[in-house]
Amino acid sequence: MNAIDVHILSSSYGEAFPNVLAEAMSCGTPCIITDVGDAALIVGETVWAIPPEDPEVLAGKISGAIEKMQKSEHWKKRKLAARKRIYENFRIRVILEAYVQEWREVCSQ
């Protein structure tokens, strides 16, 4: 993941939690996704989201990403935002704390 410039996940239907997005973003790799399953939840506002099964829009976003890569300061900020999104929302400690909190709420009912 460290060696690629942009990660593309072009699923046609929802995947529960596509780990590959978190893996790419953890490495600071910006992503282009189709808005299916939990993909949009994972990436937040850090990436390009497109509707599924629309190859023309996908091609346009890929071209746009290539243009943005040429602006190194912009691209550096995008890479940092991707990594920060995963660190703040999906690292093990955050997930564990959310899981424990959920169980506390369920058990107190």
PDB file of N, CA and C in Angstrom:
ATOM      1  N   MET A   1       0.814  -1.202   0.000  1.00  0.00           N
ATOM      2  CA  MET A   1       0.000   0.000   0.000  1.00  0.00           C
ATOM      3  C   MET A   1       0.855   1.262   0.000  1.00  0.00           C
ATOM      4  N   ASN A   2       2.031   1.183   0.594  1.00  0.00           N
ATOM      5  CA  ASN A   2       2.904   2.363   0.603  1.00  0.00           C
ATOM      6  C   ASN A   2       3.390   2.732  -0.787  1.00  0.00           C
ATOM      7  N   ALA A   3       3.406   1.774  -1.680  1.00  0.00           N
ATOM      8  CA  ALA A   3       3.983   2.008  -3.005  1.00  0.00           C
ATOM      9  C   ALA A   3       2.991   2.531  -4.036  1.00  0.00           C
ATOM     10  N   ILE A   4       1.697   2.525  -3.714  1.00  0.00           N
ATOM     11  CA  ILE A   4       0.725   2.985  -4.706  1.00  0.00           C
ATOM     12  C   ILE A   4       0.345   4.440  -4.452  1.00  0.00           C
ATOM     13  N   ASP A   5      -0.049   5.119  -5.501  1.00  0.00           N
ATOM     14  CA  ASP A   5      -0.424   6.528  -5.387  1.00  0.00           C
ATOM     15  C   ASP A   5      -1.865   6.716  -4.941  1.00  0.00           C
ATOM     16  N   VAL A   6      -2.742   5.873  -5.444  1.00  0.00           N
ATOM     17  CA  VAL A   6      -4.160   5.970  -5.101  1.00  0.00           C
ATOM     18  C   VAL A   6      -4.746   4.558  -5.116  1.00  0.00           C
ATOM     19  N   HIS A   7      -5.614   4.294  -4.162  1.00  0.00           N
ATOM     20  CA  HIS A   7      -6.262   2.988  -4.087  1.00  0.00           C
ATOM     21  C   HIS A   7      -7.685   3.129  -4.624  1.00  0.00           C
ATOM     22  N   ILE A   8      -8.091   2.199  -5.463  1.00  0.00           N
ATOM     23  CA  ILE A   8      -9.432   2.241  -6.053  1.00  0.00           C
ATOM     24  C   ILE A   8     -10.206   1.010  -5.623  1.00  0.00           C
ATOM     25  N   LEU A   9     -11.354   1.231  -4.991  1.00  0.00           N
ATOM     26  CA  LEU A   9     -12.268   0.148  -4.615  1.00  0.00           C
ATOM     27  C   LEU A   9     -13.569   0.405  -5.362  1.00  0.00           C
ATOM     28  N   SER A  10     -13.778  -0.353  -6.418  1.00  0.00           N
ATOM     29  CA  SER A  10     -14.939  -0.106  -7.287  1.00  0.00           C
ATOM     30  C   SER A  10     -15.951  -1.243  -7.185  1.00  0.00           C
ATOM     31  N   SER A  11     -16.400  -1.523  -5.972  1.00  0.00           N
ATOM     32  CA  SER A  11     -17.374  -2.586  -5.762  1.00  0.00           C
ATOM     33  C   SER A  11     -18.738  -2.186  -6.318  1.00  0.00           C
ATOM     34  N   SER A  12     -19.481  -3.181  -6.763  1.00  0.00           N
ATOM     35  CA  SER A  12     -20.833  -2.932  -7.278  1.00  0.00           C
ATOM     36  C   SER A  12     -21.887  -3.028  -6.190  1.00  0.00           C
ATOM     37  N   TYR A  13     -21.581  -3.745  -5.130  1.00  0.00           N
ATOM     38  CA  TYR A  13     -22.527  -3.886  -4.026  1.00  0.00           C
ATOM     39  C   TYR A  13     -21.754  -3.876  -2.715  1.00  0.00           C
ATOM     40  N   GLY A  14     -22.467  -3.727  -1.627  1.00  0.00           N
ATOM     41  CA  GLY A  14     -21.859  -3.474  -0.328  1.00  0.00           C
ATOM     42  C   GLY A  14     -21.034  -4.592   0.253  1.00  0.00           C
ATOM     43  N   GLU A  15     -19.890  -4.217   0.760  1.00  0.00           N
ATOM     44  CA  GLU A  15     -19.057  -5.091   1.564  1.00  0.00           C
ATOM     45  C   GLU A  15     -19.184  -4.571   2.989  1.00  0.00           C
ATOM     46  N   ALA A  16     -19.351  -5.456   3.948  1.00  0.00           N
ATOM     47  CA  ALA A  16     -19.600  -5.027   5.325  1.00  0.00           C
ATOM     48  C   ALA A  16     -18.570  -4.000   5.791  1.00  0.00           C
ATOM     49  N   PHE A  17     -17.317  -4.342   5.802  1.00  0.00           N
ATOM     50  CA  PHE A  17     -16.257  -3.426   6.209  1.00  0.00           C
ATOM     51  C   PHE A  17     -15.019  -3.781   5.405  1.00  0.00           C
ATOM     52  N   PRO A  18     -14.840  -3.152   4.260  1.00  0.00           N
ATOM     53  CA  PRO A  18     -13.693  -3.496   3.425  1.00  0.00           C
ATOM     54  C   PRO A  18     -12.372  -3.048   4.075  1.00  0.00           C
ATOM     55  N   ASN A  19     -11.722  -3.991   4.747  1.00  0.00           N
ATOM     56  CA  ASN A  19     -10.467  -3.702   5.456  1.00  0.00           C
ATOM     57  C   ASN A  19      -9.423  -3.057   4.564  1.00  0.00           C
ATOM     58  N   VAL A  20      -9.460  -3.381   3.292  1.00  0.00           N
ATOM     59  CA  VAL A  20      -8.444  -2.867   2.375  1.00  0.00           C
ATOM     60  C   VAL A  20      -8.435  -1.338   2.354  1.00  0.00           C
ATOM     61  N   LEU A  21      -9.563  -0.708   2.576  1.00  0.00           N
ATOM     62  CA  LEU A  21      -9.593   0.760   2.622  1.00  0.00           C
ATOM     63  C   LEU A  21      -8.830   1.277   3.831  1.00  0.00           C
ATOM     64  N   ALA A  22      -9.093   0.681   4.990  1.00  0.00           N
ATOM     65  CA  ALA A  22      -8.380   1.092   6.204  1.00  0.00           C
ATOM     66  C   ALA A  22      -6.889   0.827   6.063  1.00  0.00           C
ATOM     67  N   GLU A  23      -6.535  -0.274   5.443  1.00  0.00           N
ATOM     68  CA  GLU A  23      -5.119  -0.596   5.231  1.00  0.00           C
ATOM     69  C   GLU A  23      -4.455   0.453   4.340  1.00  0.00           C
ATOM     70  N   ALA A  24      -5.107   0.786   3.247  1.00  0.00           N
ATOM     71  CA  ALA A  24      -4.541   1.784   2.335  1.00  0.00           C
ATOM     72  C   ALA A  24      -4.421   3.140   3.018  1.00  0.00           C
ATOM     73  N   MET A  25      -5.481   3.551   3.665  1.00  0.00           N
ATOM     74  CA  MET A  25      -5.484   4.861   4.296  1.00  0.00           C
ATOM     75  C   MET A  25      -4.490   4.939   5.453  1.00  0.00           C
ATOM     76  N   SER A  26      -4.291   3.838   6.167  1.00  0.00           N
ATOM     77  CA  SER A  26      -3.300   3.807   7.240  1.00  0.00           C
ATOM     78  C   SER A  26      -1.911   4.095   6.716  1.00  0.00           C
ATOM     79  N   CYS A  27      -1.678   3.745   5.481  1.00  0.00           N
ATOM     80  CA  CYS A  27      -0.392   4.008   4.834  1.00  0.00           C
ATOM     81  C   CYS A  27      -0.350   5.393   4.199  1.00  0.00           C
ATOM     82  N   GLY A  28      -1.426   6.157   4.347  1.00  0.00           N
ATOM     83  CA  GLY A  28      -1.478   7.483   3.743  1.00  0.00           C
ATOM     84  C   GLY A  28      -1.794   7.447   2.266  1.00  0.00           C
ATOM     85  N   THR A  29      -2.456   6.390   1.826  1.00  0.00           N
ATOM     86  CA  THR A  29      -2.808   6.269   0.417  1.00  0.00           C
ATOM     87  C   THR A  29      -4.236   6.756   0.208  1.00  0.00           C
ATOM     88  N   PRO A  30      -4.446   7.833  -0.534  1.00  0.00           N
ATOM     89  CA  PRO A  30      -5.797   8.300  -0.827  1.00  0.00           C
ATOM     90  C   PRO A  30      -6.573   7.246  -1.621  1.00  0.00           C
ATOM     91  N   CYS A  31      -7.902   7.300  -1.510  1.00  0.00           N
ATOM     92  CA  CYS A  31      -8.749   6.283  -2.135  1.00  0.00           C
ATOM     93  C   CYS A  31      -9.841   6.901  -2.992  1.00  0.00           C
ATOM     94  N   ILE A  32     -10.238   6.134  -3.975  1.00  0.00           N
ATOM     95  CA  ILE A  32     -11.442   6.402  -4.758  1.00  0.00           C
ATOM     96  C   ILE A  32     -12.335   5.199  -4.507  1.00  0.00           C
ATOM     97  N   ILE A  33     -13.572   5.451  -4.085  1.00  0.00           N
ATOM     98  CA  ILE A  33     -14.467   4.349  -3.734  1.00  0.00           C
ATOM     99  C   ILE A  33     -15.810   4.482  -4.425  1.00  0.00           C
ATOM    100  N   THR A  34     -16.484   3.355  -4.555  1.00  0.00           N
ATOM    101  CA  THR A  34     -17.905   3.397  -4.880  1.00  0.00           C
ATOM    102  C   THR A  34     -18.644   3.427  -3.552  1.00  0.00           C
ATOM    103  N   ASP A  35     -19.706   4.174  -3.498  1.00  0.00           N
ATOM    104  CA  ASP A  35     -20.452   4.386  -2.258  1.00  0.00           C
ATOM    105  C   ASP A  35     -21.376   3.201  -2.002  1.00  0.00           C
ATOM    106  N   VAL A  36     -20.785   2.115  -1.517  1.00  0.00           N
ATOM    107  CA  VAL A  36     -21.530   0.908  -1.184  1.00  0.00           C
ATOM    108  C   VAL A  36     -21.052   0.396   0.169  1.00  0.00           C
ATOM    109  N   GLY A  37     -21.921  -0.321   0.872  1.00  0.00           N
ATOM    110  CA  GLY A  37     -21.545  -0.889   2.159  1.00  0.00           C
ATOM    111  C   GLY A  37     -21.041   0.177   3.114  1.00  0.00           C
ATOM    112  N   ASP A  38     -20.006  -0.171   3.860  1.00  0.00           N
ATOM    113  CA  ASP A  38     -19.423   0.748   4.834  1.00  0.00           C
ATOM    114  C   ASP A  38     -18.275   1.575   4.281  1.00  0.00           C
ATOM    115  N   ALA A  39     -18.058   1.534   2.995  1.00  0.00           N
ATOM    116  CA  ALA A  39     -16.917   2.245   2.410  1.00  0.00           C
ATOM    117  C   ALA A  39     -16.955   3.732   2.754  1.00  0.00           C
ATOM    118  N   ALA A  40     -18.089   4.376   2.589  1.00  0.00           N
ATOM    119  CA  ALA A  40     -18.182   5.810   2.866  1.00  0.00           C
ATOM    120  C   ALA A  40     -17.976   6.106   4.348  1.00  0.00           C
ATOM    121  N   LEU A  41     -18.430   5.211   5.212  1.00  0.00           N
ATOM    122  CA  LEU A  41     -18.214   5.371   6.649  1.00  0.00           C
ATOM    123  C   LEU A  41     -16.719   5.362   6.964  1.00  0.00           C
ATOM    124  N   ILE A  42     -15.997   4.474   6.347  1.00  0.00           N
ATOM    125  CA  ILE A  42     -14.559   4.350   6.603  1.00  0.00           C
ATOM    126  C   ILE A  42     -13.814   5.587   6.125  1.00  0.00           C
ATOM    127  N   VAL A  43     -14.070   6.014   4.927  1.00  0.00           N
ATOM    128  CA  VAL A  43     -13.257   7.082   4.328  1.00  0.00           C
ATOM    129  C   VAL A  43     -13.682   8.486   4.714  1.00  0.00           C
ATOM    130  N   GLY A  44     -14.928   8.672   5.129  1.00  0.00           N
ATOM    131  CA  GLY A  44     -15.383  10.007   5.495  1.00  0.00           C
ATOM    132  C   GLY A  44     -15.249  10.977   4.337  1.00  0.00           C
ATOM    133  N   GLU A  45     -14.748  12.151   4.623  1.00  0.00           N
ATOM    134  CA  GLU A  45     -14.601  13.200   3.610  1.00  0.00           C
ATOM    135  C   GLU A  45     -13.204  13.236   2.988  1.00  0.00           C
ATOM    136  N   THR A  46     -12.425  12.184   3.218  1.00  0.00           N
ATOM    137  CA  THR A  46     -11.024  12.226   2.791  1.00  0.00           C
ATOM    138  C   THR A  46     -10.792  11.750   1.368  1.00  0.00           C
ATOM    139  N   VAL A  47     -11.816  11.234   0.703  1.00  0.00           N
ATOM    140  CA  VAL A  47     -11.606  10.600  -0.603  1.00  0.00           C
ATOM    141  C   VAL A  47     -12.659  11.028  -1.609  1.00  0.00           C
ATOM    142  N   TRP A  48     -12.594  10.391  -2.749  1.00  0.00           N
ATOM    143  CA  TRP A  48     -13.592  10.586  -3.787  1.00  0.00           C
ATOM    144  C   TRP A  48     -14.546   9.407  -3.741  1.00  0.00           C
ATOM    145  N   ALA A  49     -15.829   9.671  -3.542  1.00  0.00           N
ATOM    146  CA  ALA A  49     -16.848   8.623  -3.543  1.00  0.00           C
ATOM    147  C   ALA A  49     -17.723   8.814  -4.779  1.00  0.00           C
ATOM    148  N   ILE A  50     -18.008   7.714  -5.438  1.00  0.00           N
ATOM    149  CA  ILE A  50     -18.828   7.763  -6.647  1.00  0.00           C
ATOM    150  C   ILE A  50     -19.925   6.718  -6.544  1.00  0.00           C
ATOM    151  N   PRO A  51     -20.980   6.846  -7.341  1.00  0.00           N
ATOM    152  CA  PRO A  51     -22.017   5.815  -7.343  1.00  0.00           C
ATOM    153  C   PRO A  51     -21.479   4.520  -7.951  1.00  0.00           C
ATOM    154  N   PRO A  52     -22.009   3.384  -7.518  1.00  0.00           N
ATOM    155  CA  PRO A  52     -21.544   2.108  -8.097  1.00  0.00           C
ATOM    156  C   PRO A  52     -21.964   1.959  -9.554  1.00  0.00           C
ATOM    157  N   GLU A  53     -21.212   1.148 -10.256  1.00  0.00           N
ATOM    158  CA  GLU A  53     -21.513   0.787 -11.640  1.00  0.00           C
ATOM    159  C   GLU A  53     -21.630   1.988 -12.576  1.00  0.00           C
ATOM    160  N   ASP A  54     -20.710   2.922 -12.426  1.00  0.00           N
ATOM    161  CA  ASP A  54     -20.671   4.089 -13.304  1.00  0.00           C
ATOM    162  C   ASP A  54     -19.227   4.309 -13.754  1.00  0.00           C
ATOM    163  N   PRO A  55     -18.780   3.541 -14.748  1.00  0.00           N
ATOM    164  CA  PRO A  55     -17.370   3.589 -15.154  1.00  0.00           C
ATOM    165  C   PRO A  55     -16.918   4.950 -15.670  1.00  0.00           C
ATOM    166  N   GLU A  56     -17.811   5.718 -16.249  1.00  0.00           N
ATOM    167  CA  GLU A  56     -17.413   7.029 -16.749  1.00  0.00           C
ATOM    168  C   GLU A  56     -17.069   7.976 -15.603  1.00  0.00           C
ATOM    169  N   VAL A  57     -17.865   7.948 -14.554  1.00  0.00           N
ATOM    170  CA  VAL A  57     -17.570   8.788 -13.391  1.00  0.00           C
ATOM    171  C   VAL A  57     -16.284   8.299 -12.727  1.00  0.00           C
ATOM    172  N   LEU A  58     -16.120   6.994 -12.635  1.00  0.00           N
ATOM    173  CA  LEU A  58     -14.899   6.429 -12.064  1.00  0.00           C
ATOM    174  C   LEU A  58     -13.665   6.905 -12.841  1.00  0.00           C
ATOM    175  N   ALA A  59     -13.726   6.824 -14.153  1.00  0.00           N
ATOM    176  CA  ALA A  59     -12.608   7.270 -14.982  1.00  0.00           C
ATOM    177  C   ALA A  59     -12.317   8.759 -14.749  1.00  0.00           C
ATOM    178  N   GLY A  60     -13.368   9.548 -14.617  1.00  0.00           N
ATOM    179  CA  GLY A  60     -13.189  10.974 -14.353  1.00  0.00           C
ATOM    180  C   GLY A  60     -12.517  11.232 -13.018  1.00  0.00           C
ATOM    181  N   LYS A  61     -12.894  10.474 -11.997  1.00  0.00           N
ATOM    182  CA  LYS A  61     -12.279  10.647 -10.672  1.00  0.00           C
ATOM    183  C   LYS A  61     -10.819  10.213 -10.687  1.00  0.00           C
ATOM    184  N   ILE A  62     -10.515   9.157 -11.416  1.00  0.00           N
ATOM    185  CA  ILE A  62      -9.120   8.723 -11.538  1.00  0.00           C
ATOM    186  C   ILE A  62      -8.298   9.823 -12.212  1.00  0.00           C
ATOM    187  N   SER A  63      -8.829  10.381 -13.290  1.00  0.00           N
ATOM    188  CA  SER A  63      -8.132  11.489 -13.975  1.00  0.00           C
ATOM    189  C   SER A  63      -7.950  12.672 -13.042  1.00  0.00           C
ATOM    190  N   GLY A  64      -8.992  12.973 -12.276  1.00  0.00           N
ATOM    191  CA  GLY A  64      -8.903  14.079 -11.323  1.00  0.00           C
ATOM    192  C   GLY A  64      -7.852  13.823 -10.251  1.00  0.00           C
ATOM    193  N   ALA A  65      -7.776  12.585  -9.790  1.00  0.00           N
ATOM    194  CA  ALA A  65      -6.770  12.245  -8.785  1.00  0.00           C
ATOM    195  C   ALA A  65      -5.368  12.417  -9.346  1.00  0.00           C
ATOM    196  N   ILE A  66      -5.172  12.010 -10.579  1.00  0.00           N
ATOM    197  CA  ILE A  66      -3.862  12.161 -11.213  1.00  0.00           C
ATOM    198  C   ILE A  66      -3.486  13.640 -11.305  1.00  0.00           C
ATOM    199  N   GLU A  67      -4.453  14.491 -11.633  1.00  0.00           N
ATOM    200  CA  GLU A  67      -4.189  15.931 -11.681  1.00  0.00           C
ATOM    201  C   GLU A  67      -3.816  16.464 -10.304  1.00  0.00           C
ATOM    202  N   LYS A  68      -4.531  16.021  -9.279  1.00  0.00           N
ATOM    203  CA  LYS A  68      -4.263  16.491  -7.917  1.00  0.00           C
ATOM    204  C   LYS A  68      -2.884  16.042  -7.439  1.00  0.00           C
ATOM    205  N   MET A  69      -2.429  14.870  -7.883  1.00  0.00           N
ATOM    206  CA  MET A  69      -1.096  14.382  -7.496  1.00  0.00           C
ATOM    207  C   MET A  69      -0.004  15.335  -7.941  1.00  0.00           C
ATOM    208  N   GLN A  70      -0.262  16.059  -9.017  1.00  0.00           N
ATOM    209  CA  GLN A  70       0.741  16.991  -9.545  1.00  0.00           C
ATOM    210  C   GLN A  70       0.938  18.190  -8.614  1.00  0.00           C
ATOM    211  N   LYS A  71      -0.064  18.449  -7.798  1.00  0.00           N
ATOM    212  CA  LYS A  71       0.015  19.546  -6.824  1.00  0.00           C
ATOM    213  C   LYS A  71       0.485  18.927  -5.510  1.00  0.00           C
ATOM    214  N   SER A  72       1.785  18.862  -5.326  1.00  0.00           N
ATOM    215  CA  SER A  72       2.357  18.069  -4.237  1.00  0.00           C
ATOM    216  C   SER A  72       1.863  18.489  -2.855  1.00  0.00           C
ATOM    217  N   GLU A  73       1.683  19.768  -2.603  1.00  0.00           N
ATOM    218  CA  GLU A  73       1.222  20.194  -1.278  1.00  0.00           C
ATOM    219  C   GLU A  73      -0.214  19.713  -1.030  1.00  0.00           C
ATOM    220  N   HIS A  74      -1.065  19.841  -2.035  1.00  0.00           N
ATOM    221  CA  HIS A  74      -2.443  19.350  -1.918  1.00  0.00           C
ATOM    222  C   HIS A  74      -2.452  17.843  -1.688  1.00  0.00           C
ATOM    223  N   TRP A  75      -1.638  17.135  -2.444  1.00  0.00           N
ATOM    224  CA  TRP A  75      -1.608  15.672  -2.342  1.00  0.00           C
ATOM    225  C   TRP A  75      -1.074  15.241  -0.979  1.00  0.00           C
ATOM    226  N   LYS A  76      -0.082  15.949  -0.457  1.00  0.00           N
ATOM    227  CA  LYS A  76       0.459  15.639   0.867  1.00  0.00           C
ATOM    228  C   LYS A  76      -0.630  15.794   1.934  1.00  0.00           C
ATOM    229  N   LYS A  77      -1.428  16.854   1.835  1.00  0.00           N
ATOM    230  CA  LYS A  77      -2.521  17.062   2.791  1.00  0.00           C
ATOM    231  C   LYS A  77      -3.565  15.954   2.682  1.00  0.00           C
ATOM    232  N   ARG A  78      -3.865  15.533   1.466  1.00  0.00           N
ATOM    233  CA  ARG A  78      -4.843  14.458   1.260  1.00  0.00           C
ATOM    234  C   ARG A  78      -4.337  13.148   1.871  1.00  0.00           C
ATOM    235  N   LYS A  79      -3.065  12.871   1.708  1.00  0.00           N
ATOM    236  CA  LYS A  79      -2.468  11.657   2.264  1.00  0.00           C
ATOM    237  C   LYS A  79      -2.517  11.687   3.798  1.00  0.00           C
ATOM    238  N   LEU A  80      -2.169  12.822   4.366  1.00  0.00           N
ATOM    239  CA  LEU A  80      -2.207  12.954   5.821  1.00  0.00           C
ATOM    240  C   LEU A  80      -3.635  12.840   6.356  1.00  0.00           C
ATOM    241  N   ALA A  81      -4.593  13.402   5.637  1.00  0.00           N
ATOM    242  CA  ALA A  81      -5.998  13.319   6.067  1.00  0.00           C
ATOM    243  C   ALA A  81      -6.494  11.878   6.053  1.00  0.00           C
ATOM    244  N   ALA A  82      -6.075  11.107   5.060  1.00  0.00           N
ATOM    245  CA  ALA A  82      -6.474   9.698   4.999  1.00  0.00           C
ATOM    246  C   ALA A  82      -5.937   8.948   6.200  1.00  0.00           C
ATOM    247  N   ARG A  83      -4.669   9.125   6.484  1.00  0.00           N
ATOM    248  CA  ARG A  83      -4.056   8.431   7.624  1.00  0.00           C
ATOM    249  C   ARG A  83      -4.693   8.875   8.942  1.00  0.00           C
ATOM    250  N   LYS A  84      -4.910  10.159   9.092  1.00  0.00           N
ATOM    251  CA  LYS A  84      -5.507  10.698  10.320  1.00  0.00           C
ATOM    252  C   LYS A  84      -6.911  10.137  10.537  1.00  0.00           C
ATOM    253  N   ARG A  85      -7.688  10.023   9.464  1.00  0.00           N
ATOM    254  CA  ARG A  85      -9.052   9.492   9.565  1.00  0.00           C
ATOM    255  C   ARG A  85      -9.054   8.088  10.176  1.00  0.00           C
ATOM    256  N   ILE A  86      -8.154   7.241   9.728  1.00  0.00           N
ATOM    257  CA  ILE A  86      -8.092   5.882  10.255  1.00  0.00           C
ATOM    258  C   ILE A  86      -7.584   5.894  11.689  1.00  0.00           C
ATOM    259  N   TYR A  87      -6.556   6.657  11.954  1.00  0.00           N
ATOM    260  CA  TYR A  87      -5.992   6.708  13.302  1.00  0.00           C
ATOM    261  C   TYR A  87      -7.037   7.184  14.319  1.00  0.00           C
ATOM    262  N   GLU A  88      -7.784   8.205  13.985  1.00  0.00           N
ATOM    263  CA  GLU A  88      -8.746   8.772  14.934  1.00  0.00           C
ATOM    264  C   GLU A  88     -10.004   7.930  15.091  1.00  0.00           C
ATOM    265  N   ASN A  89     -10.367   7.165  14.080  1.00  0.00           N
ATOM    266  CA  ASN A  89     -11.653   6.477  14.123  1.00  0.00           C
ATOM    267  C   ASN A  89     -11.598   4.954  14.144  1.00  0.00           C
ATOM    268  N   PHE A  90     -10.515   4.360  13.687  1.00  0.00           N
ATOM    269  CA  PHE A  90     -10.525   2.913  13.507  1.00  0.00           C
ATOM    270  C   PHE A  90      -9.307   2.183  14.058  1.00  0.00           C
ATOM    271  N   ARG A  91      -8.462   2.845  14.825  1.00  0.00           N
ATOM    272  CA  ARG A  91      -7.359   2.094  15.431  1.00  0.00           C
ATOM    273  C   ARG A  91      -7.935   1.191  16.528  1.00  0.00           C
ATOM    274  N   ILE A  92      -7.189   0.197  16.915  1.00  0.00           N
ATOM    275  CA  ILE A  92      -7.685  -0.839  17.826  1.00  0.00           C
ATOM    276  C   ILE A  92      -8.229  -0.244  19.120  1.00  0.00           C
ATOM    277  N   ARG A  93      -7.532   0.686  19.733  1.00  0.00           N
ATOM    278  CA  ARG A  93      -7.997   1.247  21.005  1.00  0.00           C
ATOM    279  C   ARG A  93      -9.368   1.909  20.841  1.00  0.00           C
ATOM    280  N   VAL A  94      -9.570   2.661  19.778  1.00  0.00           N
ATOM    281  CA  VAL A  94     -10.852   3.333  19.537  1.00  0.00           C
ATOM    282  C   VAL A  94     -11.961   2.302  19.342  1.00  0.00           C
ATOM    283  N   ILE A  95     -11.695   1.276  18.555  1.00  0.00           N
ATOM    284  CA  ILE A  95     -12.694   0.233  18.309  1.00  0.00           C
ATOM    285  C   ILE A  95     -13.008  -0.512  19.601  1.00  0.00           C
ATOM    286  N   LEU A  96     -11.986  -0.845  20.382  1.00  0.00           N
ATOM    287  CA  LEU A  96     -12.186  -1.553  21.644  1.00  0.00           C
ATOM    288  C   LEU A  96     -13.032  -0.734  22.607  1.00  0.00           C
ATOM    289  N   GLU A  97     -12.721   0.547  22.732  1.00  0.00           N
ATOM    290  CA  GLU A  97     -13.495   1.411  23.629  1.00  0.00           C
ATOM    291  C   GLU A  97     -14.952   1.519  23.179  1.00  0.00           C
ATOM    292  N   ALA A  98     -15.188   1.626  21.892  1.00  0.00           N
ATOM    293  CA  ALA A  98     -16.562   1.689  21.377  1.00  0.00           C
ATOM    294  C   ALA A  98     -17.296   0.375  21.646  1.00  0.00           C
ATOM    295  N   TYR A  99     -16.611  -0.729  21.477  1.00  0.00           N
ATOM    296  CA  TYR A  99     -17.199  -2.050  21.718  1.00  0.00           C
ATOM    297  C   TYR A  99     -17.585  -2.201  23.192  1.00  0.00           C
ATOM    298  N   VAL A 100     -16.682  -1.845  24.085  1.00  0.00           N
ATOM    299  CA  VAL A 100     -16.958  -1.942  25.519  1.00  0.00           C
ATOM    300  C   VAL A 100     -18.122  -1.032  25.893  1.00  0.00           C
ATOM    301  N   GLN A 101     -18.129   0.182  25.380  1.00  0.00           N
ATOM    302  CA  GLN A 101     -19.215   1.117  25.678  1.00  0.00           C
ATOM    303  C   GLN A 101     -20.559   0.573  25.197  1.00  0.00           C
ATOM    304  N   GLU A 102     -20.569  -0.006  24.016  1.00  0.00           N
ATOM    305  CA  GLU A 102     -21.810  -0.581  23.482  1.00  0.00           C
ATOM    306  C   GLU A 102     -22.318  -1.691  24.391  1.00  0.00           C
ATOM    307  N   TRP A 103     -21.423  -2.558  24.839  1.00  0.00           N
ATOM    308  CA  TRP A 103     -21.835  -3.645  25.724  1.00  0.00           C
ATOM    309  C   TRP A 103     -22.310  -3.125  27.068  1.00  0.00           C
ATOM    310  N   ARG A 104     -21.699  -2.081  27.574  1.00  0.00           N
ATOM    311  CA  ARG A 104     -22.157  -1.486  28.848  1.00  0.00           C
ATOM    312  C   ARG A 104     -23.590  -0.990  28.693  1.00  0.00           C
ATOM    313  N   GLU A 105     -23.867  -0.339  27.571  1.00  0.00           N
ATOM    314  CA  GLU A 105     -25.219   0.175  27.340  1.00  0.00           C
ATOM    315  C   GLU A 105     -26.224  -0.975  27.201  1.00  0.00           C
ATOM    316  N   VAL A 106     -25.863  -2.005  26.492  1.00  0.00           N
ATOM    317  CA  VAL A 106     -26.754  -3.151  26.300  1.00  0.00           C
ATOM    318  C   VAL A 106     -27.011  -3.843  27.645  1.00  0.00           C
ATOM    319  N   CYS A 107     -25.984  -4.024  28.430  1.00  0.00           N
ATOM    320  CA  CYS A 107     -26.116  -4.744  29.703  1.00  0.00           C
ATOM    321  C   CYS A 107     -26.842  -3.922  30.758  1.00  0.00           C
ATOM    322  N   SER A 108     -26.853  -2.609  30.632  1.00  0.00           N
ATOM    323  CA  SER A 108     -27.526  -1.779  31.628  1.00  0.00           C
ATOM    324  C   SER A 108     -29.027  -1.651  31.368  1.00  0.00           C
ATOM    325  N   GLN A 109     -29.482  -2.146  30.249  1.00  0.00           N
ATOM    326  CA  GLN A 109     -30.908  -2.029  29.914  1.00  0.00           C
ATOM    327  C   GLN A 109     -31.727  -3.106  30.579  1.00  0.00           C
TER     328      GLN A 109
END
